[in-house]
Amino acid sequence: MSLEDKAKNAVDKVSGKAKEAEGKATGDKAREAQGKAEGLVGKAKDKLADAKDAAKDVVDDLKDKLDN
């Protein structure tokens, strides 16, 4: 995962936490839910990027084995 992707995902997670906390503090259930959803999007993007990196590693390993 690129550094830029990590930063974007971290922004989603932090922003989500802030919105969730704001919603809890003000009693705004919609804002709280929006924050939770945004945080989950950031986490999902991290997991997707990790899976993509793992798949790339497997493909690279297979290519190396086929070349030898």
Protein backbone atom coordinates (compact mmCIF):
# COMPACT_ATOMS: atom_id res chain seq x y z
CA MET A 1 0.00 0.00 0.00
CA SER A 2 1.37 3.37 -0.90
CA LEU A 3 2.04 6.01 1.69
CA GLU A 4 -0.59 8.20 0.02
CA ASP A 5 -3.20 5.44 0.37
CA LYS A 6 -2.31 4.94 4.03
CA ALA A 7 -2.70 8.65 4.65
CA LYS A 8 -6.09 8.81 2.92
CA ASN A 9 -7.34 5.80 4.87
CA ALA A 10 -6.10 7.31 8.13
CA VAL A 11 -7.95 10.54 7.33
CA ASP A 12 -11.16 8.56 6.79
CA LYS A 13 -10.73 6.75 10.10
CA VAL A 14 -9.84 9.87 12.12
CA SER A 15 -12.56 11.95 10.50
CA GLY A 16 -15.05 9.18 11.18
CA LYS A 17 -14.08 9.01 14.84
CA ALA A 18 -14.43 12.78 15.15
CA LYS A 19 -17.89 12.77 13.55
CA GLU A 20 -18.95 9.85 15.71
CA ALA A 21 -17.80 11.65 18.87
CA GLU A 22 -19.53 14.84 17.74
CA GLY A 23 -22.74 12.91 17.17
CA LYS A 24 -22.55 11.30 20.59
CA ALA A 25 -21.84 14.62 22.29
CA THR A 26 -24.72 16.41 20.58
CA GLY A 27 -27.15 13.50 20.58
CA ASP A 28 -27.21 13.54 16.76
CA LYS A 29 -27.67 9.86 15.92
CA ALA A 30 -27.37 10.51 12.16
CA ARG A 31 -23.99 12.23 12.60
CA GLU A 32 -22.84 9.44 14.90
CA ALA A 33 -23.84 6.83 12.32
CA GLN A 34 -22.15 8.81 9.56
CA GLY A 35 -18.95 8.84 11.60
CA LYS A 36 -19.10 5.11 12.25
CA ALA A 37 -19.65 4.45 8.56
CA GLU A 38 -16.77 6.69 7.52
CA GLY A 39 -14.45 4.97 9.99
CA LEU A 40 -15.48 1.57 8.66
CA VAL A 41 -14.80 2.73 5.09
CA GLY A 42 -11.25 3.64 6.10
CA LYS A 43 -10.74 0.26 7.74
CA ALA A 44 -12.21 -1.55 4.73
CA LYS A 45 -9.88 0.33 2.39
CA ASP A 46 -6.93 -0.78 4.54
CA LYS A 47 -8.05 -4.42 4.40
CA LEU A 48 -8.60 -4.23 0.64
CA ALA A 49 -5.15 -2.74 0.11
CA ASP A 50 -3.61 -5.46 2.30
CA ALA A 51 -5.37 -8.15 0.27
CA LYS A 52 -4.20 -6.52 -2.96
CA ASP A 53 -0.62 -6.45 -1.69
CA ALA A 54 -0.83 -10.10 -0.62
CA ALA A 55 -2.20 -11.14 -4.03
CA LYS A 56 0.60 -9.24 -5.75
CA ASP A 57 3.15 -11.04 -3.58
CA VAL A 58 1.67 -14.42 -4.53
CA VAL A 59 1.75 -13.54 -8.22
CA ASP A 60 5.34 -12.33 -7.95
CA ASP A 61 6.35 -15.55 -6.16
CA LEU A 62 4.70 -17.66 -8.86
CA LYS A 63 6.44 -15.67 -11.59
CA ASP A 64 9.78 -16.21 -9.84
CA LYS A 65 9.15 -19.97 -9.59
CA LEU A 66 8.16 -20.19 -13.25
CA ASP A 67 11.24 -18.27 -14.34
CA ASN A 68 13.54 -20.68 -12.48
